[in-house]
Amino acid sequence: MARLQTLKLAEVLTEVRMSRAAFYRMRARGEAPAMKKLPNGQIRVTRAALDAWWDSQDAA
């Protein structure tokens, strides 16, 4: 079974070239990629979710 690639928030911010504050504002508006919050409070984004988000940004 293949394991999903997950990215840490810092990795996502680097890739999308965005500050943490701007990302959280976008998240509050429901415009951020789908995220999962781990029991320890850390946030992860799957590569598939980030790629889908990029595709939706291109379409907009």
N, C-alpha and C. Protein backbone atom coordinates (compact mmCIF):
# COMPACT_ATOMS: atom_id res chain seq x y z
N MET A 1 0.85 -1.19 0.00
CA MET A 1 0.00 0.00 0.00
C MET A 1 0.89 1.25 0.00
N ALA A 2 0.63 2.15 -0.91
CA ALA A 2 1.42 3.38 -1.03
C ALA A 2 1.02 4.36 0.07
N ARG A 3 2.02 5.01 0.62
CA ARG A 3 1.78 6.00 1.66
C ARG A 3 1.63 7.37 1.02
N LEU A 4 0.66 8.13 1.48
CA LEU A 4 0.46 9.48 0.95
C LEU A 4 1.58 10.39 1.41
N GLN A 5 2.07 11.20 0.50
CA GLN A 5 3.09 12.18 0.87
C GLN A 5 2.39 13.33 1.58
N THR A 6 2.86 13.65 2.76
CA THR A 6 2.30 14.79 3.49
C THR A 6 3.38 15.84 3.67
N LEU A 7 2.95 17.08 3.63
CA LEU A 7 3.86 18.21 3.75
C LEU A 7 3.57 18.96 5.04
N LYS A 8 4.62 19.42 5.69
CA LYS A 8 4.47 20.27 6.86
C LYS A 8 4.05 21.65 6.38
N LEU A 9 3.45 22.42 7.29
CA LEU A 9 2.98 23.75 6.92
C LEU A 9 4.13 24.61 6.39
N ALA A 10 5.30 24.52 7.00
CA ALA A 10 6.44 25.32 6.53
C ALA A 10 6.80 24.96 5.09
N GLU A 11 6.69 23.69 4.73
CA GLU A 11 6.98 23.27 3.36
C GLU A 11 5.96 23.83 2.38
N VAL A 12 4.70 23.83 2.81
CA VAL A 12 3.63 24.38 1.97
C VAL A 12 3.84 25.88 1.77
N LEU A 13 4.16 26.58 2.85
CA LEU A 13 4.36 28.03 2.76
C LEU A 13 5.51 28.37 1.83
N THR A 14 6.57 27.57 1.87
CA THR A 14 7.70 27.79 0.97
C THR A 14 7.28 27.58 -0.48
N GLU A 15 6.51 26.52 -0.72
CA GLU A 15 6.11 26.22 -2.09
C GLU A 15 5.16 27.27 -2.67
N VAL A 16 4.22 27.74 -1.85
CA VAL A 16 3.25 28.72 -2.36
C VAL A 16 3.75 30.16 -2.19
N ARG A 17 4.93 30.31 -1.59
CA ARG A 17 5.55 31.62 -1.39
C ARG A 17 4.61 32.60 -0.70
N MET A 18 4.21 32.19 0.50
CA MET A 18 3.23 32.96 1.25
C MET A 18 3.63 32.98 2.72
N SER A 19 3.31 34.06 3.39
CA SER A 19 3.58 34.13 4.83
C SER A 19 2.55 33.29 5.58
N ARG A 20 2.92 32.92 6.79
CA ARG A 20 2.01 32.13 7.63
C ARG A 20 0.72 32.91 7.89
N ALA A 21 0.83 34.21 8.15
CA ALA A 21 -0.36 35.04 8.42
C ALA A 21 -1.29 35.08 7.22
N ALA A 22 -0.72 35.28 6.03
CA ALA A 22 -1.55 35.32 4.82
C ALA A 22 -2.22 33.97 4.58
N PHE A 23 -1.48 32.89 4.85
CA PHE A 23 -2.04 31.56 4.66
C PHE A 23 -3.22 31.33 5.60
N TYR A 24 -3.06 31.73 6.86
CA TYR A 24 -4.15 31.54 7.82
C TYR A 24 -5.36 32.42 7.49
N ARG A 25 -5.14 33.60 6.93
CA ARG A 25 -6.27 34.42 6.48
C ARG A 25 -7.01 33.72 5.34
N MET A 26 -6.25 33.15 4.42
CA MET A 26 -6.84 32.42 3.31
C MET A 26 -7.59 31.19 3.83
N ARG A 27 -7.01 30.54 4.82
CA ARG A 27 -7.66 29.36 5.43
C ARG A 27 -8.99 29.76 6.09
N ALA A 28 -9.01 30.90 6.77
CA ALA A 28 -10.23 31.38 7.43
C ALA A 28 -11.33 31.67 6.42
N ARG A 29 -10.95 32.08 5.21
CA ARG A 29 -11.93 32.34 4.15
C ARG A 29 -12.34 31.06 3.42
N GLY A 30 -11.72 29.93 3.76
CA GLY A 30 -12.04 28.66 3.11
C GLY A 30 -11.38 28.51 1.75
N GLU A 31 -10.29 29.24 1.52
CA GLU A 31 -9.63 29.23 0.21
C GLU A 31 -8.31 28.47 0.21
N ALA A 32 -7.94 27.86 1.32
CA ALA A 32 -6.67 27.15 1.42
C ALA A 32 -6.85 25.69 1.01
N PRO A 33 -5.75 25.01 0.72
CA PRO A 33 -5.86 23.58 0.40
C PRO A 33 -6.36 22.80 1.62
N ALA A 34 -6.93 21.64 1.37
CA ALA A 34 -7.45 20.80 2.45
C ALA A 34 -6.29 20.40 3.36
N MET A 35 -6.53 20.50 4.67
CA MET A 35 -5.48 20.21 5.65
C MET A 35 -5.98 19.20 6.68
N LYS A 36 -5.02 18.56 7.30
CA LYS A 36 -5.32 17.64 8.40
C LYS A 36 -4.56 18.13 9.62
N LYS A 37 -5.25 18.17 10.75
CA LYS A 37 -4.60 18.57 12.00
C LYS A 37 -4.30 17.30 12.78
N LEU A 38 -3.06 17.12 13.13
CA LEU A 38 -2.63 15.95 13.87
C LEU A 38 -2.96 16.10 15.35
N PRO A 39 -3.00 15.00 16.09
CA PRO A 39 -3.31 15.09 17.52
C PRO A 39 -2.36 16.00 18.30
N ASN A 40 -1.14 16.16 17.82
CA ASN A 40 -0.19 17.05 18.51
C ASN A 40 -0.35 18.51 18.11
N GLY A 41 -1.34 18.81 17.25
CA GLY A 41 -1.64 20.18 16.84
C GLY A 41 -0.97 20.62 15.56
N GLN A 42 -0.05 19.82 15.04
CA GLN A 42 0.61 20.17 13.80
C GLN A 42 -0.33 19.99 12.62
N ILE A 43 -0.08 20.75 11.57
CA ILE A 43 -0.91 20.70 10.36
C ILE A 43 -0.13 20.03 9.26
N ARG A 44 -0.82 19.19 8.50
CA ARG A 44 -0.22 18.53 7.35
C ARG A 44 -1.15 18.71 6.15
N VAL A 45 -0.54 18.80 4.98
CA VAL A 45 -1.27 18.89 3.72
C VAL A 45 -0.75 17.78 2.83
N THR A 46 -1.65 17.01 2.23
CA THR A 46 -1.18 15.96 1.33
C THR A 46 -0.75 16.59 0.01
N ARG A 47 0.17 15.94 -0.64
CA ARG A 47 0.64 16.42 -1.94
C ARG A 47 -0.53 16.51 -2.91
N ALA A 48 -1.43 15.51 -2.86
CA ALA A 48 -2.59 15.51 -3.76
C ALA A 48 -3.49 16.72 -3.50
N ALA A 49 -3.71 17.06 -2.23
CA ALA A 49 -4.55 18.22 -1.90
C ALA A 49 -3.91 19.52 -2.36
N LEU A 50 -2.59 19.62 -2.20
CA LEU A 50 -1.90 20.84 -2.63
C LEU A 50 -1.92 20.95 -4.15
N ASP A 51 -1.71 19.85 -4.85
CA ASP A 51 -1.75 19.87 -6.32
C ASP A 51 -3.15 20.24 -6.82
N ALA A 52 -4.18 19.71 -6.17
CA ALA A 52 -5.56 20.04 -6.55
C ALA A 52 -5.83 21.53 -6.31
N TRP A 53 -5.30 22.05 -5.21
CA TRP A 53 -5.47 23.47 -4.90
C TRP A 53 -4.78 24.32 -5.96
N TRP A 54 -3.54 23.94 -6.36
CA TRP A 54 -2.83 24.67 -7.41
C TRP A 54 -3.66 24.67 -8.69
N ASP A 55 -4.24 23.52 -9.05
CA ASP A 55 -5.06 23.43 -10.27
C ASP A 55 -6.26 24.36 -10.18
N SER A 56 -6.88 24.45 -9.00
CA SER A 56 -8.04 25.33 -8.84
C SER A 56 -7.63 26.80 -8.93
N GLN A 57 -6.41 27.12 -8.51
CA GLN A 57 -5.92 28.50 -8.61
C GLN A 57 -5.67 28.87 -10.07
N ASP A 58 -5.19 27.92 -10.84
CA ASP A 58 -4.98 28.16 -12.27
C ASP A 58 -6.29 28.41 -13.00
N ALA A 59 -7.34 27.72 -12.56
CA ALA A 59 -8.65 27.83 -13.22
C ALA A 59 -9.33 29.16 -12.87
N ALA A 60 -9.00 29.71 -11.70
CA ALA A 60 -9.67 30.94 -11.25
C ALA A 60 -9.16 32.18 -11.92
